[in-house]
Protein backbone atom coordinates (compact mmCIF):
# COMPACT_ATOMS: atom_id res chain seq x y z
CA MET A 1 138.56 97.43 104.80
CA SER A 2 140.44 98.99 102.61
CA SER A 3 138.93 101.80 100.46
CA SER A 4 142.07 102.32 97.21
CA ALA A 5 141.02 102.20 93.99
CA PRO A 6 140.35 98.47 92.93
CA THR A 7 141.82 97.52 89.48
CA PRO A 8 139.06 96.74 86.87
CA PRO A 9 138.96 93.38 86.23
CA ARG A 10 140.17 91.75 82.70
CA GLU A 11 136.67 90.88 81.40
CA LEU A 12 135.66 95.09 81.79
CA THR A 13 139.01 95.78 80.19
CA LEU A 14 138.00 93.95 77.77
CA GLY A 15 134.61 95.08 77.27
CA VAL A 16 135.97 98.78 77.03
CA LYS A 17 138.38 97.63 74.79
CA ALA A 18 135.56 96.49 72.10
CA LEU A 19 134.26 100.05 71.90
CA GLY A 20 136.63 101.07 69.50
CA SER A 21 134.77 99.74 67.05
CA GLU A 22 131.86 101.67 67.26
CA PRO A 23 132.89 104.97 65.52
CA GLN A 24 129.67 106.69 67.25
CA CYS A 25 131.10 105.96 71.09
CA SER A 26 134.09 108.21 72.00
CA VAL A 27 135.31 107.22 75.83
CA LEU A 28 135.75 110.10 77.68
CA SER A 29 137.53 108.70 81.05
CA GLU A 30 139.15 105.93 82.28
CA LEU A 31 136.88 103.05 84.41
CA THR A 32 136.43 104.37 88.38
CA PHE A 33 134.86 102.47 90.79
CA ASP A 34 132.04 104.00 93.00
CA PHE A 35 132.22 102.11 96.30
CA ALA A 36 128.67 103.57 97.51
CA LYS A 37 127.27 101.53 94.44
CA GLU A 38 129.79 99.22 94.30
CA SER A 39 129.53 99.65 90.56
CA TRP A 40 132.33 101.06 87.89
CA LEU A 41 131.75 104.08 86.08
CA LEU A 42 132.61 104.94 82.32
CA SER A 43 132.12 108.05 80.71
CA VAL A 44 131.26 108.17 76.95
CA ALA A 45 129.88 110.37 74.40
CA LEU A 46 127.39 109.28 71.67
CA GLN A 47 127.70 110.61 68.08
CA ILE A 48 124.20 110.97 65.88
CA SER A 49 123.38 111.87 62.61
CA GLU A 50 120.17 113.38 63.19
CA VAL A 51 119.27 117.10 64.22
CA SER A 52 116.70 117.88 66.95
CA THR A 53 116.07 120.72 69.55
CA LEU A 54 115.66 117.83 72.30
CA VAL A 55 118.43 115.64 71.35
CA SER A 56 121.78 117.16 70.36
CA GLN A 57 124.06 115.28 67.50
CA ARG A 58 126.93 114.88 70.43
CA SER A 59 125.66 113.61 74.30
CA ALA A 60 127.80 112.46 76.87
CA TRP A 61 126.46 109.51 79.08
CA ILE A 62 127.59 107.48 82.51
CA LEU A 63 127.51 103.94 82.42
CA VAL A 64 127.31 102.57 85.69
CA ILE A 65 128.14 98.64 85.50
CA ASP A 66 128.14 95.80 88.23
CA LYS A 67 131.27 94.90 89.85
CA GLY A 68 130.59 91.48 88.41
CA TYR A 69 130.52 92.20 84.96
CA PRO A 70 130.15 90.39 82.56
CA ILE A 71 127.49 89.15 84.74
CA GLY A 72 124.85 91.98 86.78
CA SER A 73 123.12 95.34 85.57
CA ILE A 74 124.36 98.05 83.39
CA GLY A 75 122.79 101.67 83.47
CA VAL A 76 123.02 104.08 80.77
CA TYR A 77 122.25 107.54 82.61
CA PRO A 78 122.48 111.24 80.77
CA ALA A 79 125.66 112.68 82.31
CA LEU A 80 124.96 115.94 84.15
CA LYS A 81 127.18 117.83 81.70
CA ASP A 82 126.26 117.79 78.28
CA GLY A 83 123.76 115.28 78.63
CA ILE A 84 120.49 115.01 77.56
CA ALA A 85 117.89 116.87 79.91
CA SER A 86 114.42 115.82 78.65
CA THR A 87 112.67 112.90 79.44
CA PHE A 88 111.76 110.59 76.55
CA PRO A 89 109.27 107.35 76.17
CA HIS A 90 111.19 104.02 77.03
CA GLN A 91 113.36 106.16 79.90
CA ALA A 92 113.13 106.61 83.34
CA ARG A 93 112.30 109.94 84.86
CA ASN A 94 114.69 112.42 84.11
CA ILE A 95 115.84 114.44 86.75
CA LEU A 96 118.80 115.64 88.55
CA GLU A 97 118.72 113.22 91.33
CA GLY A 98 122.47 111.82 91.26
CA ALA A 99 124.00 115.26 90.41
CA SER A 100 126.89 114.84 92.99
CA ALA A 101 127.53 111.26 91.46
CA GLY A 102 127.92 113.45 87.53
CA TRP A 103 124.26 111.85 86.15
CA ARG A 104 120.52 112.30 85.90
CA SER A 105 118.24 109.82 87.12
CA GLY A 106 117.05 109.33 83.50
CA LYS A 107 118.57 105.48 82.89
CA LEU A 108 117.68 104.18 79.24
CA CYS A 109 115.26 101.31 79.02
CA LEU A 110 117.38 99.28 76.59
CA ASP A 111 116.09 95.50 77.30
CA THR A 112 112.73 96.11 76.00
CA PRO A 113 111.58 97.13 72.66
CA PHE A 114 111.35 100.17 71.20
CA GLY A 115 109.83 102.22 68.48
CA ARG A 116 109.87 100.20 65.04
CA THR A 117 112.35 97.51 66.54
CA MET A 118 109.34 95.86 68.90
CA ASP A 119 111.07 92.54 67.77
CA ARG A 120 112.08 90.68 71.40
CA SER A 121 115.17 89.46 69.15
CA HIS A 122 116.79 93.25 69.15
CA VAL A 123 116.91 93.26 73.35
CA ASN A 124 118.54 89.86 73.92
CA ASP A 125 121.09 91.47 76.33
CA PRO A 126 124.67 89.04 75.69
CA ILE A 127 124.94 88.47 79.58
CA GLY A 128 128.42 86.69 79.88
CA ASP A 129 129.81 88.40 77.00
CA ALA A 130 132.85 89.86 78.18
CA GLU A 131 133.55 91.50 74.84
CA GLY A 132 130.24 91.92 73.48
CA ARG A 133 128.61 93.12 76.33
CA LEU A 134 129.00 96.72 76.74
CA LEU A 135 129.12 97.14 72.98
CA TRP A 136 125.53 95.65 72.70
CA HIS A 137 124.31 98.85 75.60
CA ILE A 138 126.28 101.36 73.45
CA ARG A 139 124.55 100.68 70.33
CA ARG A 140 121.11 100.34 71.82
CA SER A 141 121.70 103.68 73.50
CA ILE A 142 122.68 104.62 69.89
CA ALA A 143 119.41 103.56 68.09
CA TRP A 144 117.50 104.62 70.98
CA LEU A 145 118.76 108.39 70.63
CA THR A 146 118.29 108.34 66.98
CA ALA A 147 114.37 107.03 67.86
CA ALA A 148 114.19 110.01 70.14
CA ALA A 149 115.31 112.33 67.93
CA ARG A 150 113.09 111.59 65.01
CA GLN A 151 110.64 110.78 67.76
CA GLU A 152 110.22 107.41 66.81
CA LEU A 153 110.38 105.99 69.92
CA LEU A 154 106.65 105.31 70.18
CA ALA A 155 105.09 103.84 67.03
CA ILE A 156 101.60 103.13 65.66
CA GLY A 157 100.96 99.54 67.12
CA ASP A 158 103.35 99.62 69.86
CA PRO A 159 101.47 98.77 73.05
CA PHE A 160 100.50 102.48 75.24
CA GLU A 161 103.00 103.34 78.01
CA LEU A 162 102.69 106.41 80.53
CA PRO A 163 105.59 108.06 81.44
CA GLN A 164 106.93 107.24 84.98
CA ARG A 165 105.22 109.15 87.69
CA PRO A 166 107.16 111.13 90.49
CA SER A 167 107.99 109.47 93.46
CA SER A 168 105.04 108.73 95.60
CA SER A 169 103.98 108.99 99.36
CA THR A 170 101.75 108.03 102.02
CA TYR A 171 101.86 111.53 103.32
CA GLY A 172 100.04 110.60 106.57
CA LEU A 173 97.54 108.46 104.95
CA SER A 174 96.59 105.50 106.12
CA ALA A 175 97.44 103.48 103.09
CA SER A 176 100.08 103.20 100.66
CA ARG A 177 98.28 102.53 97.42
CA ILE A 178 94.87 103.75 95.86
CA VAL A 179 93.27 100.67 93.69
CA HIS A 180 90.41 101.44 90.96
CA ASP A 181 88.84 99.03 88.40
CA GLU A 182 88.72 100.58 85.32
CA SER A 183 88.15 98.67 82.22
CA ALA A 184 86.85 98.42 79.00
CA THR A 185 83.72 97.61 80.23
CA THR A 186 83.50 100.43 82.73
CA TYR A 187 84.88 102.88 80.48
CA SER A 188 81.09 103.29 78.70
CA VAL A 189 80.47 105.11 81.80
CA TRP A 190 83.18 107.88 81.00
CA ARG A 191 83.14 108.04 77.71
CA ASN A 192 82.08 111.81 76.56
CA ARG A 193 82.05 112.78 79.89
CA THR A 194 83.46 116.14 80.98
CA GLY A 195 83.76 118.30 84.16
CA PHE A 196 84.65 117.07 87.86
CA GLY A 197 82.61 115.52 90.46
CA ARG A 198 82.75 113.34 93.95
CA ALA A 199 84.54 109.95 95.11
CA LYS A 200 84.60 107.83 97.98
CA LEU A 201 87.59 105.95 98.61
CA VAL A 202 87.40 103.32 101.12
CA PRO A 203 90.29 100.75 102.95
CA LEU A 204 89.69 97.12 101.27
CA TYR A 205 88.90 94.39 104.27
CA GLY A 206 91.73 91.58 103.97
CA ILE A 207 94.54 94.15 101.94
CA ASP A 208 96.90 96.36 104.14
CA SER A 209 97.54 99.73 103.28
CA THR A 210 95.00 99.99 100.43
CA LEU A 211 92.52 102.05 99.71
CA ILE A 212 89.66 101.81 97.17
CA VAL A 213 88.12 103.88 94.94
CA ARG A 214 84.46 102.41 96.27
CA SER A 215 82.43 105.11 94.43
CA PHE A 216 82.15 107.87 91.86
CA MET A 217 79.11 110.49 91.91
CA ASP A 218 78.37 113.72 90.45
CA LEU A 219 78.60 117.08 92.19
CA ALA A 220 74.64 115.96 93.37
CA GLY A 221 75.58 113.27 95.12
CA SER A 222 74.13 110.53 92.42
CA THR A 223 76.31 107.39 91.37
CA ILE A 224 78.23 107.34 88.81
CA ARG A 225 80.01 104.16 88.95
CA GLU A 226 81.21 101.58 92.16
CA TRP A 227 83.45 99.57 92.74
CA THR A 228 82.89 95.79 90.66
CA GLY A 229 84.96 93.83 93.42
CA ARG A 230 83.60 92.04 96.38
CA SER A 231 81.97 94.41 98.91
CA ALA A 232 84.23 96.96 100.74
CA ARG A 233 82.31 97.07 104.30
CA THR A 234 83.77 99.70 106.39
CA GLU A 235 82.54 102.03 109.08
CA GLN A 236 81.73 106.14 107.82
CA SER A 237 84.97 107.28 109.67
CA ASN A 238 87.28 105.36 107.70
CA GLU A 239 86.25 106.88 104.42
CA ILE A 240 88.34 109.22 103.03
CA ALA A 241 86.72 112.28 100.20
CA GLY A 242 87.98 112.33 97.17
CA ILE A 243 87.43 114.69 93.74
CA TRP A 244 87.95 113.63 90.30
CA TRP A 245 88.15 115.22 87.32
CA ILE A 246 88.24 114.50 83.61
CA TRP A 247 90.97 115.22 81.06
CA PRO A 248 90.48 114.73 77.35
CA GLN A 249 93.95 113.47 76.54
CA PRO A 250 96.98 112.02 79.20
CA ILE A 251 98.32 114.60 81.36
CA VAL A 252 101.94 114.80 79.88
CA LEU A 253 104.92 117.51 79.65
CA ALA A 254 106.44 117.32 76.13
CA PRO A 255 108.41 114.87 75.24
CA TRP A 256 106.95 112.67 77.60
CA GLU A 257 107.41 113.64 81.25
CA CYS A 258 104.68 113.59 84.04
CA PRO A 259 104.18 117.31 85.68
CA ALA A 260 105.97 117.42 89.10
CA THR A 261 104.51 120.86 90.08
CA TRP A 262 101.46 122.88 89.96
CA GLY A 263 102.97 124.77 87.43
CA GLY A 264 104.29 121.72 85.16
CA LEU A 265 100.16 120.81 85.54
CA ARG A 266 98.92 124.31 84.16
CA SER A 267 101.36 124.16 81.56
CA VAL A 268 99.75 120.49 80.35
CA SER A 269 96.07 122.06 81.20
CA ARG A 270 96.94 125.18 78.70
CA ALA A 271 98.19 122.94 76.06
CA LEU A 272 94.92 120.75 76.42
CA ARG A 273 92.44 124.43 76.66
CA LEU A 274 91.22 123.70 80.24
CA ASP A 275 91.68 126.35 82.70
CA LEU A 276 93.28 124.61 85.97
CA ASP A 277 92.90 127.46 87.97
CA THR A 278 88.53 127.77 87.17
CA ILE A 279 88.76 123.87 88.58
CA LEU A 280 91.02 124.04 91.77
CA ARG A 281 88.72 127.53 92.84
CA GLN A 282 85.38 125.43 92.39
CA VAL A 283 87.34 122.40 94.18
CA ALA A 284 88.69 124.35 96.97
CA ARG A 285 85.29 125.65 97.86
CA LEU A 286 84.33 122.17 98.29
CA ILE A 287 87.07 121.10 100.65
CA ARG A 288 88.05 124.46 102.52
CA GLY A 289 87.91 124.04 106.40
CA LYS A 290 87.02 120.12 105.81
CA PRO A 291 89.02 118.28 108.24
CA GLY A 292 91.08 115.03 107.26
CA PRO A 293 92.57 114.30 103.41
CA THR A 294 91.06 114.63 99.68
CA ILE A 295 92.45 113.22 96.74
CA LEU A 296 92.14 114.48 93.60
CA LEU A 297 91.69 111.65 91.16
CA LEU A 298 92.86 112.88 87.40
CA GLY A 299 91.32 110.94 84.84
CA TYR A 300 92.13 110.59 81.10
CA PRO A 301 90.99 107.95 78.48
CA ILE A 302 94.08 105.37 76.90
CA PRO A 303 94.32 103.17 74.64
CA ASP A 304 95.52 99.41 74.53
CA HIS A 305 97.89 100.60 71.40
CA ILE A 306 99.09 103.42 69.91
CA GLY A 307 96.93 104.72 67.31
CA ASN A 308 93.69 103.16 68.76
CA GLU A 309 90.72 104.06 70.32
CA PRO A 310 90.82 104.75 73.53
CA SER A 311 89.06 101.85 75.80
CA GLU A 312 90.13 102.69 79.37
CA MET A 313 90.06 105.24 81.86
CA HIS A 314 93.64 105.85 83.71
CA TRP A 315 93.68 107.69 86.93
CA ASP A 316 96.41 109.67 88.77
CA ALA A 317 95.80 110.66 92.61
CA LEU A 318 96.90 113.87 94.12
CA LEU A 319 96.55 114.77 97.66
CA LEU A 320 95.36 118.32 98.29
CA PRO A 321 95.90 120.60 100.60
CA GLN A 322 93.92 120.96 103.43
CA LEU A 323 92.63 124.69 103.00
CA GLU A 324 91.49 126.90 105.98
CA ALA A 325 89.61 129.65 106.09
CA GLY A 326 90.25 132.95 107.85
CA ILE A 327 93.88 132.84 108.24
CA LYS A 328 96.49 134.82 107.02
CA GLN A 329 94.48 136.77 104.78
CA THR A 330 96.22 138.17 101.54
CA PRO A 331 96.55 142.48 102.60
CA GLY A 332 93.96 144.16 100.72
CA PHE A 333 91.32 141.58 100.15
CA ARG A 334 88.23 140.64 102.62
CA ALA A 335 88.18 137.04 104.50
CA ASN A 336 85.82 135.81 102.06
CA GLU A 337 85.95 133.16 99.53
CA MET A 338 87.55 135.18 96.67
CA GLY A 339 90.30 136.48 99.66
CA TRP A 340 90.77 132.94 100.50
CA TRP A 341 91.41 131.54 96.48
CA ILE A 342 93.82 134.21 96.11
CA ARG A 343 95.91 133.34 99.12
CA ASP A 344 95.59 129.99 97.95
CA ARG A 345 96.94 131.07 94.48
CA ARG A 346 99.90 132.46 95.60
CA THR A 347 100.81 129.74 98.10
CA THR A 348 99.38 126.30 98.39
CA PHE A 349 98.50 126.26 94.51
CA SER A 350 101.75 128.57 93.05
CA ASP A 351 103.82 127.23 90.07
CA GLY A 352 106.72 126.41 92.20
CA MET A 353 105.07 123.88 94.54
CA VAL A 354 105.67 119.96 94.30
CA LEU A 355 102.64 117.78 93.12
CA LYS A 356 102.02 115.23 96.24
CA TYR A 357 101.45 112.21 93.84
CA VAL A 358 99.91 109.00 95.51
CA SER A 359 100.74 105.50 93.75
CA VAL A 360 97.52 104.58 91.84
CA GLU A 361 97.30 101.10 90.41
CA ASN A 362 94.32 99.58 87.99
CA TRP A 363 93.39 95.96 90.08
CA SER A 364 90.70 95.34 87.36
CA GLU A 365 89.57 91.20 86.74
CA ASP A 366 91.08 91.97 83.23
CA ARG A 367 94.44 93.42 84.97
CA ILE A 368 95.27 91.47 87.56
CA GLN A 369 94.29 88.09 86.09
CA ALA A 370 95.64 88.61 83.03
CA ARG A 371 98.62 86.11 83.29
CA GLY A 372 96.48 83.38 84.04
CA ARG A 373 92.35 82.89 84.92
CA LEU A 374 89.69 80.38 84.99
CA PRO A 375 87.26 80.70 82.17
CA VAL A 376 84.61 82.72 82.05
CA LEU A 377 81.86 79.97 82.97
CA LEU A 378 84.20 78.63 85.86
CA ARG A 379 84.80 82.34 87.47
CA ASP A 380 80.79 82.95 87.61
CA CYS A 381 80.13 79.95 89.42
CA SER A 382 79.44 79.89 92.77
CA ILE A 383 81.31 76.57 95.01
CA ALA A 384 81.42 75.45 98.29
CA ILE A 385 84.40 73.51 99.27
CA VAL A 386 83.32 70.88 102.33
CA GLY A 387 86.57 70.19 103.81
CA ALA A 388 89.06 72.87 104.22
CA GLY A 389 92.20 70.66 104.69
CA ALA A 390 95.65 70.27 103.14
CA LEU A 391 93.85 69.29 99.86
CA GLY A 392 90.74 71.46 100.23
CA SER A 393 92.97 74.68 101.06
CA VAL A 394 95.36 74.37 98.16
CA VAL A 395 92.11 73.69 95.74
CA ALA A 396 90.73 76.96 97.26
CA GLU A 397 93.94 79.03 97.04
CA LEU A 398 94.19 77.84 92.99
CA LEU A 399 90.32 78.51 92.77
CA VAL A 400 90.92 82.47 94.20
CA ARG A 401 94.11 83.28 92.30
CA MET A 402 92.44 81.86 88.83
CA GLY A 403 89.90 84.30 89.24
CA LEU A 404 86.74 82.55 91.05
CA ARG A 405 84.47 85.20 92.51
CA HIS A 406 82.00 83.45 95.03
CA LEU A 407 83.46 80.20 97.38
CA LYS A 408 82.06 78.96 100.74
CA LEU A 409 84.63 77.10 102.79
CA ILE A 410 83.15 74.26 105.30
CA ASP A 411 84.90 73.05 108.16
CA GLN A 412 84.39 72.26 111.66
CA GLU A 413 88.23 71.64 112.67
CA THR A 414 91.07 73.97 114.08
CA LEU A 415 94.23 73.95 112.59
CA ALA A 416 96.93 72.07 114.62
CA ALA A 417 100.89 72.72 113.79
CA GLY A 418 100.84 69.43 112.87
CA ASN A 419 98.43 70.21 109.97
CA VAL A 420 101.21 73.44 108.48
CA VAL A 421 103.46 70.50 106.59
CA ARG A 422 100.89 70.56 103.78
CA HIS A 423 98.56 72.98 104.38
CA VAL A 424 98.34 76.44 102.92
CA LEU A 425 97.88 78.09 106.62
CA THR A 426 100.77 79.21 108.92
CA LEU A 427 101.86 78.32 112.66
CA SER A 428 100.17 81.79 113.04
CA ASP A 429 97.05 80.26 112.79
CA VAL A 430 97.17 77.27 114.92
CA ASP A 431 94.30 76.56 117.07
CA LEU A 432 92.06 78.60 115.01
CA TYR A 433 89.44 77.35 112.50
CA LYS A 434 90.73 76.29 109.51
CA ALA A 435 87.68 77.95 107.53
CA ASP A 436 88.14 81.31 109.22
CA ALA A 437 92.16 81.14 108.99
CA LEU A 438 91.70 80.15 105.10
CA ARG A 439 89.04 82.79 104.31
CA ILE A 440 91.32 85.86 105.40
CA ARG A 441 94.13 84.21 103.72
CA LEU A 442 92.13 84.27 100.40
CA LEU A 443 91.04 88.09 100.71
CA LYS A 444 94.44 88.99 100.66
CA LEU A 445 94.82 87.16 97.25
CA SER A 446 92.12 88.63 95.41
CA PRO A 447 89.95 92.26 95.67
CA HIS A 448 87.40 90.38 93.50
CA VAL A 449 86.15 87.37 95.69
CA ASP A 450 83.64 87.15 98.22
CA VAL A 451 84.28 84.22 100.73
CA VAL A 452 82.05 82.57 103.30
CA THR A 453 82.57 80.32 105.84
CA SER A 454 80.53 77.77 108.16
CA PRO A 455 83.12 76.86 110.66
CA SER A 456 81.08 73.41 111.91
CA ARG A 457 80.20 70.11 111.29
CA MET A 458 78.18 69.28 108.30
CA PRO A 459 74.62 69.23 109.15
CA THR A 460 72.53 65.40 109.45
CA THR A 461 69.39 66.71 108.15
CA ALA A 462 68.15 67.10 104.76
CA PRO A 463 66.77 70.68 105.42
CA GLU A 464 69.66 71.56 106.74
CA VAL A 465 71.91 70.63 104.17
CA HIS A 466 69.62 72.02 101.33
CA THR A 467 70.04 75.34 102.69
CA LEU A 468 73.30 74.98 103.30
CA LEU A 469 74.13 74.45 99.73
CA ASP A 470 71.62 75.30 98.10
CA PRO A 471 73.08 78.92 96.80
CA TYR A 472 76.06 77.12 95.01
CA ASP A 473 76.15 75.80 91.58
CA ILE A 474 79.08 73.45 92.25
CA VAL A 475 79.82 71.36 95.82
CA ILE A 476 83.35 69.99 96.11
CA ASP A 477 83.90 67.34 98.69
CA CYS A 478 87.77 67.36 99.79
CA THR A 479 87.13 65.26 103.18
CA ALA A 480 87.30 61.34 102.11
CA SER A 481 84.51 61.11 104.72
CA ASN A 482 82.02 58.52 104.59
CA GLU A 483 79.70 60.75 106.85
CA VAL A 484 80.27 63.55 104.83
CA LEU A 485 78.96 61.86 101.68
CA ALA A 486 76.16 60.94 103.64
CA SER A 487 74.68 64.37 104.60
CA LEU A 488 75.63 65.14 101.08
CA ALA A 489 73.03 62.58 99.77
CA LEU A 490 69.87 63.53 101.91
CA PRO A 491 68.31 66.67 99.67
CA TRP A 492 67.01 67.06 96.55
CA TRP A 493 67.42 70.37 94.52
CA SER A 494 65.32 71.30 92.08
CA VAL A 495 68.16 72.53 89.80
CA PRO A 496 71.35 70.18 89.11
CA LYS A 497 74.59 70.40 90.88
CA HIS A 498 77.98 69.60 90.11
CA PHE A 499 79.09 67.46 93.00
CA LEU A 500 82.65 66.30 92.89
CA SER A 501 84.47 64.24 95.56
CA LEU A 502 88.42 64.71 95.75
CA SER A 503 90.84 62.89 97.80
CA VAL A 504 94.28 61.47 97.70
CA GLY A 505 95.56 57.84 98.68
CA VAL A 506 98.95 56.88 101.05
CA HIS A 507 101.73 59.53 100.33
CA ALA A 508 99.18 61.37 97.86
CA GLN A 509 100.43 58.83 94.83
CA ARG A 510 96.83 58.30 93.94
CA LEU A 511 94.18 60.84 93.16
CA PHE A 512 90.56 59.77 93.24
CA ALA A 513 88.25 62.65 91.49
CA PHE A 514 84.32 61.89 91.29
CA SER A 515 81.81 63.82 89.74
CA THR A 516 78.35 64.03 88.56
CA PHE A 517 75.84 66.54 87.25
CA SER A 518 72.48 65.88 89.08
CA ASN A 519 69.90 67.05 91.37
CA GLN A 520 70.78 64.43 94.14
CA PHE A 521 74.18 63.36 95.10
CA VAL A 522 73.71 59.81 95.34
CA LYS A 523 75.98 58.12 97.34
CA SER A 524 75.72 54.09 96.22
CA ASP A 525 77.01 55.60 92.86
CA PHE A 526 80.34 56.66 94.46
CA ASP A 527 80.77 53.55 96.42
CA GLY A 528 80.14 51.25 93.59
CA LEU A 529 83.12 53.05 91.74
CA PHE A 530 85.21 53.93 94.60
CA ASP A 531 85.13 50.62 96.71
CA PRO A 532 86.92 48.63 94.12
CA TRP A 533 89.91 50.63 94.62
CA LEU A 534 90.01 50.65 98.51
CA GLN A 535 91.47 47.52 98.78
CA ASP A 536 94.30 48.63 96.80
CA GLU A 537 94.91 51.62 99.47
CA ALA A 538 94.65 48.76 102.29
CA THR A 539 97.17 47.09 100.98
CA SER A 540 99.41 50.20 100.52
CA TRP A 541 98.18 51.35 104.40
CA ALA A 542 99.23 48.32 105.14
CA ARG A 543 103.01 48.51 104.23
CA GLU A 544 103.42 51.69 105.85
CA PRO A 545 105.03 52.04 109.62
CA GLU A 546 102.73 53.73 112.07
CA PHE A 547 102.70 57.37 112.17
CA SER A 548 101.74 59.58 115.17
CA GLU A 549 102.91 62.78 116.75
CA GLY A 550 103.64 61.60 119.96
CA ALA A 551 101.75 60.55 123.25
CA GLY A 552 98.34 60.74 123.72
CA CYS A 553 94.76 59.41 121.72
CA TRP A 554 96.48 57.11 119.28
CA SER A 555 95.82 58.28 115.63
CA PRO A 556 97.61 57.16 112.53
CA LEU A 557 98.90 59.76 110.22
CA MET A 558 98.15 60.09 106.71
CA PRO A 559 101.54 60.25 104.94
CA ALA A 560 101.48 62.91 102.27
CA ARG A 561 103.92 65.70 101.36
CA HIS A 562 103.00 69.33 100.35
CA ASP A 563 104.69 69.13 97.02
CA ASP A 564 102.57 65.65 96.36
CA ILE A 565 99.55 67.37 97.57
CA THR A 566 99.56 70.48 95.36
CA MET A 567 100.57 68.50 92.38
CA ALA A 568 97.25 66.50 93.14
CA ALA A 569 95.38 70.05 93.59
CA CYS A 570 96.42 70.86 90.21
CA VAL A 571 95.17 68.16 88.91
CA CYS A 572 91.99 68.90 90.57
CA LEU A 573 91.41 72.10 89.13
CA LYS A 574 92.17 70.55 85.21
CA PHE A 575 89.28 67.80 86.12
CA LEU A 576 86.92 70.45 87.55
CA GLU A 577 87.67 72.67 84.31
CA ALA A 578 86.31 69.76 82.19
CA THR A 579 83.54 68.88 84.13
CA VAL A 580 82.00 72.31 84.04
CA THR A 581 82.73 72.77 80.75
CA THR A 582 80.94 69.85 79.32
CA PRO A 583 78.64 68.39 82.11
CA ARG A 584 78.19 64.88 82.31
CA ALA A 585 74.78 63.30 84.00
CA CYS A 586 76.50 59.83 84.63
CA PRO A 587 78.68 59.76 87.36
CA ARG A 588 82.17 58.94 87.06
CA LEU A 589 85.41 58.08 88.93
CA LEU A 590 88.56 59.15 87.35
CA VAL A 591 92.40 58.07 89.01
CA PHE A 592 95.29 59.54 88.49
CA GLU A 593 98.85 58.12 89.65
CA GLN A 594 102.34 59.22 90.17
CA GLN A 595 104.69 58.67 87.45
CA THR A 596 108.25 57.89 87.16
CA ASP A 597 110.85 57.99 84.74
CA ASP A 598 114.44 57.81 84.75
CA LEU A 599 115.10 61.61 85.55
CA GLY A 600 112.44 61.03 88.45
CA TYR A 601 108.76 61.91 88.60
CA SER A 602 106.95 62.74 85.06
CA GLY A 603 103.47 63.66 86.13
CA PHE A 604 100.08 62.60 87.36
CA SER A 605 98.28 59.86 84.75
CA ARG A 606 95.28 58.56 84.62
CA ILE A 607 94.77 54.75 85.58
CA GLU A 608 92.24 52.11 84.97
CA LYS A 609 91.68 49.31 87.49
CA GLN A 610 92.65 46.02 86.09
CA ALA A 611 90.84 43.61 88.16
CA LYS A 612 87.06 43.13 87.52
CA ARG A 613 86.81 45.87 84.83
CA VAL A 614 83.95 46.63 83.27
CA ASP A 615 84.02 46.60 79.39
CA LEU A 616 81.51 49.19 78.15
CA LEU A 617 83.47 52.02 79.91
CA ASN A 618 82.35 54.32 77.43
CA VAL A 619 78.84 53.70 77.53
CA GLU A 620 76.48 56.39 79.34
CA THR A 621 74.95 55.18 82.33
CA GLU A 622 71.94 56.34 84.66
CA PRO A 623 72.46 57.71 88.31
CA GLY A 624 72.81 54.72 90.23
CA GLN A 625 74.41 52.61 87.36
CA LEU A 626 77.64 51.76 88.08
CA VAL A 627 80.50 51.80 85.50
CA ASP A 628 84.64 52.06 86.34
CA ARG A 629 85.86 55.34 84.69
């Protein structure tokens, strides 16, 4: 393969030529190709009129341009020579990585709003525009430089952000991240609190390579606050010790850089009038001679938007060195706590020693469910799903992804290979109980859900059914089984429950959604509403060829694809939400059918039975009276 320099494509030369229209930009080099990065490089100088101690009026930059220009990425980096050396907001950590290539690591964040230009219209990268795209990046860079010189990259009302943390590592830990669950609710625990204390970190069952901060304690061992997610059941031998320390403000070196060394951390502490070494000496006394790792959690309050009052505690995590006693004493000092600290201060905690950051993430419900969640009324409900098959498994997964906290799965069947085509489980779960295997999957989706299982048949006596389902506010049947419905009808509950029965027809073209809010599930109510539809389903089934999985005991298979099951499950969630939000004592059955138009599938629409329709469709009835809805 030839490594000779390729000729720049015409689109890119047009883009470079267009830079001549920007008087604040000077092109300093020809286009060169970097074979390692498979990108084009262009050196430019940018001129601004502002005067600043950290941003010179003229600075050099390297553009790293994807070979597919005008498609692909474009990075604007400070040049190693005559480039800016500080890190600012809306910029990657600006250090000497990539120095051999002639630029620093501080790529500018140009495709997001900054400062006084938070309008998204300012960040519409003209991808595909050969003549305009490079020019857009240059003009955004000039705007960024001007805002940096004026100290206007962060403006009042902007969403609060923190500088990029140094590269983290596991440093031999059993986990690649530490997780906490701070929110506006838990912030009340920390408001006005100072000093330091102890913490316990443990693995979170079901989620690999993750440590949660299970508890924060004072130095005497009294609990300050605990993890609010699901219970972390673990052996004491799996616990990792932690030390927490509250700082009054974000730990940031001016203008906007996270400290990378103990010396940098000392600089921030002095600016905030804290004595780092006094605290470190006390911490050293707590951990000296103890085996295993210790995590130092540095916490500080942050607001949601710049200019607002703090509303959340943020945590950084450092792996503390293991400190031993009585080894390599400093000459002239005794083998005691004072001597050991002087040794550690000159070596382990010296200004030049690099901080060992461990990745930290906030997994509070407000954070990880911010993109979409169930209403709090439904999140707080406890739900039992009977039937962890195709429809039940998708409904369960949707509920957990949307924030449900308490779920029970009841199913006595094991997973077969043929189930996988429309089940959320995989071939690695074959021969496992569906309920148990589904529980493991669901625990990986949320740190806040508790899932319990009953991998057995539905009981057939009223006391057993009552014991099984009494703790749950909502019972959802996804079995399409008359036997299960008969069992549900046995007990009477002193507190009314929401009962739902969800099932699909042939090819999942229809969805049958039954609900009632009552002290008892009355099967005759269900039968009276559902039976008129059975003939339609029987007719549809009769038109189908016989489906089977091969030789053996013949059992016809229900034809339905996973995409149809998933769409039906989405309708089920909307039906459930409406049912719980507006409870109705009278039983009702809603039937939804897939609709098509000239463009193909257009969604599920509610349909009503045409034959023998009841005229008074909107009349409320008592349980036991039948109205076809």
